[in-house]
Amino acid sequence: MDRMDWSDRCEFVNFTIWLIESRPIADYDSVVSVRSVRYVQSVFWLSILVLAFTSVFSVSSVFIAFAFAFAVA
């Protein structure tokens, strides 16, 4: 089983921080496209909003979040 070396870990952490902070994608053109990152961000934040406003954290609320994300994107 392969283990990640420190450079891979640092790159993963940097990319995760960038994804959360929504920085421009100029540094990560080789990793993902602008559209896919924006889509992932919209799905993430919309699912958080839907889960926050539902009283029961159920699977149906996740499906509602994905349906809303598809409608917006």
N, C-alpha and C. Protein backbone atom coordinates (compact mmCIF):
# COMPACT_ATOMS: atom_id res chain seq x y z
N MET A 1 0.83 -1.19 0.00
CA MET A 1 0.00 0.00 0.00
C MET A 1 0.88 1.25 0.00
N ASP A 2 0.61 2.14 -0.94
CA ASP A 2 1.41 3.35 -1.06
C ASP A 2 0.96 4.37 -0.02
N ARG A 3 1.95 5.07 0.50
CA ARG A 3 1.65 6.13 1.47
C ARG A 3 1.99 7.47 0.83
N MET A 4 1.26 8.49 1.24
CA MET A 4 1.51 9.83 0.72
C MET A 4 2.77 10.39 1.37
N ASP A 5 3.64 10.99 0.55
CA ASP A 5 4.79 11.65 1.15
C ASP A 5 4.40 13.08 1.55
N TRP A 6 5.34 13.79 2.14
CA TRP A 6 5.02 15.11 2.69
C TRP A 6 4.60 16.10 1.61
N SER A 7 5.20 16.02 0.44
CA SER A 7 4.81 16.97 -0.62
C SER A 7 3.37 16.73 -1.07
N ASP A 8 2.95 15.46 -1.15
CA ASP A 8 1.56 15.16 -1.50
C ASP A 8 0.61 15.66 -0.43
N ARG A 9 0.98 15.46 0.82
CA ARG A 9 0.13 15.92 1.91
C ARG A 9 0.01 17.44 1.90
N CYS A 10 1.12 18.12 1.70
CA CYS A 10 1.10 19.58 1.67
C CYS A 10 0.25 20.08 0.51
N GLU A 11 0.38 19.44 -0.65
CA GLU A 11 -0.41 19.84 -1.81
C GLU A 11 -1.89 19.62 -1.56
N PHE A 12 -2.25 18.50 -0.93
CA PHE A 12 -3.65 18.22 -0.62
C PHE A 12 -4.20 19.24 0.37
N VAL A 13 -3.42 19.57 1.40
CA VAL A 13 -3.86 20.55 2.39
C VAL A 13 -4.01 21.92 1.74
N ASN A 14 -3.05 22.31 0.90
CA ASN A 14 -3.13 23.60 0.22
C ASN A 14 -4.35 23.67 -0.68
N PHE A 15 -4.61 22.59 -1.41
CA PHE A 15 -5.77 22.57 -2.30
C PHE A 15 -7.07 22.64 -1.50
N THR A 16 -7.13 21.94 -0.36
CA THR A 16 -8.33 21.96 0.47
C THR A 16 -8.57 23.35 1.04
N ILE A 17 -7.52 24.00 1.50
CA ILE A 17 -7.65 25.37 2.02
C ILE A 17 -8.10 26.30 0.90
N TRP A 18 -7.51 26.14 -0.29
CA TRP A 18 -7.91 26.97 -1.42
C TRP A 18 -9.38 26.75 -1.76
N LEU A 19 -9.83 25.50 -1.74
CA LEU A 19 -11.21 25.20 -2.09
C LEU A 19 -12.17 25.85 -1.11
N ILE A 20 -11.82 25.85 0.17
CA ILE A 20 -12.68 26.45 1.19
C ILE A 20 -12.69 27.97 1.05
N GLU A 21 -11.55 28.56 0.77
CA GLU A 21 -11.46 30.02 0.69
C GLU A 21 -11.87 30.57 -0.67
N SER A 22 -12.11 29.72 -1.65
CA SER A 22 -12.56 30.12 -2.99
C SER A 22 -11.58 31.06 -3.68
N ARG A 23 -10.32 30.72 -3.64
CA ARG A 23 -9.32 31.52 -4.34
C ARG A 23 -9.41 31.26 -5.84
N PRO A 24 -8.83 32.14 -6.65
CA PRO A 24 -8.80 31.89 -8.10
C PRO A 24 -8.08 30.59 -8.42
N ILE A 25 -8.44 30.00 -9.54
CA ILE A 25 -7.94 28.67 -9.85
C ILE A 25 -6.65 28.69 -10.66
N ALA A 26 -6.02 29.84 -10.83
CA ALA A 26 -4.83 29.95 -11.66
C ALA A 26 -3.73 28.99 -11.24
N ASP A 27 -3.61 28.73 -9.94
CA ASP A 27 -2.55 27.84 -9.46
C ASP A 27 -2.89 26.37 -9.63
N TYR A 28 -4.13 26.06 -9.93
CA TYR A 28 -4.56 24.66 -9.95
C TYR A 28 -5.18 24.26 -11.28
N ASP A 29 -4.75 24.90 -12.38
CA ASP A 29 -5.30 24.57 -13.69
C ASP A 29 -5.10 23.11 -14.06
N SER A 30 -3.99 22.52 -13.62
CA SER A 30 -3.71 21.14 -13.97
C SER A 30 -4.51 20.15 -13.13
N VAL A 31 -5.11 20.60 -12.04
CA VAL A 31 -5.82 19.67 -11.15
C VAL A 31 -7.28 19.54 -11.56
N VAL A 32 -7.99 20.63 -11.60
CA VAL A 32 -9.41 20.62 -11.93
C VAL A 32 -9.77 21.86 -12.72
N SER A 33 -10.92 21.83 -13.35
CA SER A 33 -11.35 22.99 -14.12
C SER A 33 -12.14 23.95 -13.24
N VAL A 34 -12.28 25.16 -13.72
CA VAL A 34 -13.00 26.19 -12.96
C VAL A 34 -14.44 25.77 -12.73
N ARG A 35 -15.06 25.24 -13.76
CA ARG A 35 -16.47 24.88 -13.66
C ARG A 35 -16.71 23.79 -12.63
N SER A 36 -15.85 22.77 -12.61
CA SER A 36 -16.06 21.68 -11.66
C SER A 36 -15.85 22.15 -10.22
N VAL A 37 -14.90 23.04 -9.99
CA VAL A 37 -14.68 23.55 -8.64
C VAL A 37 -15.86 24.39 -8.19
N ARG A 38 -16.37 25.23 -9.08
CA ARG A 38 -17.53 26.03 -8.71
C ARG A 38 -18.73 25.15 -8.44
N TYR A 39 -18.87 24.08 -9.21
CA TYR A 39 -19.98 23.15 -8.99
C TYR A 39 -19.85 22.45 -7.64
N VAL A 40 -18.64 22.00 -7.32
CA VAL A 40 -18.41 21.34 -6.03
C VAL A 40 -18.69 22.30 -4.89
N GLN A 41 -18.23 23.54 -5.03
CA GLN A 41 -18.48 24.53 -3.99
C GLN A 41 -19.96 24.81 -3.82
N SER A 42 -20.69 24.92 -4.94
CA SER A 42 -22.12 25.20 -4.83
C SER A 42 -22.86 24.03 -4.21
N VAL A 43 -22.50 22.80 -4.58
CA VAL A 43 -23.14 21.63 -3.98
C VAL A 43 -22.84 21.58 -2.49
N PHE A 44 -21.60 21.86 -2.12
CA PHE A 44 -21.21 21.82 -0.71
C PHE A 44 -22.00 22.84 0.11
N TRP A 45 -22.00 24.10 -0.32
CA TRP A 45 -22.66 25.14 0.47
C TRP A 45 -24.17 24.98 0.46
N LEU A 46 -24.75 24.57 -0.66
CA LEU A 46 -26.20 24.37 -0.70
C LEU A 46 -26.62 23.21 0.19
N SER A 47 -25.82 22.15 0.20
CA SER A 47 -26.17 21.03 1.08
C SER A 47 -26.04 21.43 2.55
N ILE A 48 -25.04 22.25 2.88
CA ILE A 48 -24.91 22.74 4.25
C ILE A 48 -26.13 23.59 4.63
N LEU A 49 -26.56 24.47 3.72
CA LEU A 49 -27.72 25.31 4.00
C LEU A 49 -28.99 24.48 4.19
N VAL A 50 -29.19 23.51 3.31
CA VAL A 50 -30.40 22.69 3.42
C VAL A 50 -30.37 21.88 4.71
N LEU A 51 -29.23 21.32 5.05
CA LEU A 51 -29.14 20.55 6.29
C LEU A 51 -29.32 21.44 7.52
N ALA A 52 -28.88 22.68 7.42
CA ALA A 52 -29.02 23.59 8.56
C ALA A 52 -30.47 23.98 8.79
N PHE A 53 -31.25 24.07 7.72
CA PHE A 53 -32.64 24.52 7.85
C PHE A 53 -33.64 23.37 7.97
N THR A 54 -33.17 22.14 7.96
CA THR A 54 -34.08 21.02 8.17
C THR A 54 -33.95 20.55 9.62
N SER A 55 -35.06 20.18 10.19
CA SER A 55 -35.03 19.76 11.59
C SER A 55 -34.46 18.36 11.75
N VAL A 56 -34.64 17.52 10.74
CA VAL A 56 -34.14 16.15 10.80
C VAL A 56 -33.05 16.00 9.76
N PHE A 57 -31.85 15.57 10.20
CA PHE A 57 -30.74 15.36 9.29
C PHE A 57 -30.89 13.98 8.66
N SER A 58 -31.58 13.93 7.54
CA SER A 58 -31.88 12.66 6.91
C SER A 58 -31.31 12.61 5.50
N VAL A 59 -31.42 11.46 4.89
CA VAL A 59 -30.91 11.28 3.53
C VAL A 59 -31.72 12.11 2.55
N SER A 60 -33.00 12.27 2.81
CA SER A 60 -33.85 13.04 1.90
C SER A 60 -33.40 14.49 1.80
N SER A 61 -32.90 15.06 2.90
CA SER A 61 -32.44 16.45 2.84
C SER A 61 -31.19 16.58 1.97
N VAL A 62 -30.36 15.54 1.94
CA VAL A 62 -29.19 15.56 1.07
C VAL A 62 -29.62 15.51 -0.38
N PHE A 63 -30.62 14.67 -0.70
CA PHE A 63 -31.13 14.60 -2.06
C PHE A 63 -31.75 15.93 -2.49
N ILE A 64 -32.43 16.59 -1.57
CA ILE A 64 -33.00 17.90 -1.88
C ILE A 64 -31.89 18.90 -2.19
N ALA A 65 -30.80 18.84 -1.43
CA ALA A 65 -29.67 19.75 -1.66
C ALA A 65 -29.05 19.51 -3.03
N PHE A 66 -28.87 18.24 -3.42
CA PHE A 66 -28.31 17.95 -4.73
C PHE A 66 -29.26 18.38 -5.85
N ALA A 67 -30.56 18.18 -5.66
CA ALA A 67 -31.53 18.60 -6.68
C ALA A 67 -31.50 20.11 -6.85
N PHE A 68 -31.41 20.83 -5.74
CA PHE A 68 -31.34 22.29 -5.80
C PHE A 68 -30.04 22.74 -6.47
N ALA A 69 -28.95 22.05 -6.18
CA ALA A 69 -27.66 22.40 -6.80
C ALA A 69 -27.70 22.17 -8.30
N PHE A 70 -28.34 21.08 -8.74
CA PHE A 70 -28.48 20.83 -10.18
C PHE A 70 -29.33 21.92 -10.83
N ALA A 71 -30.38 22.37 -10.13
CA ALA A 71 -31.25 23.40 -10.69
C ALA A 71 -30.52 24.73 -10.81
N VAL A 72 -29.68 25.05 -9.83
CA VAL A 72 -28.95 26.32 -9.86
C VAL A 72 -27.82 26.28 -10.87
N ALA A 73 -27.10 25.17 -10.93
CA ALA A 73 -25.97 25.05 -11.85
C ALA A 73 -26.49 24.85 -13.25
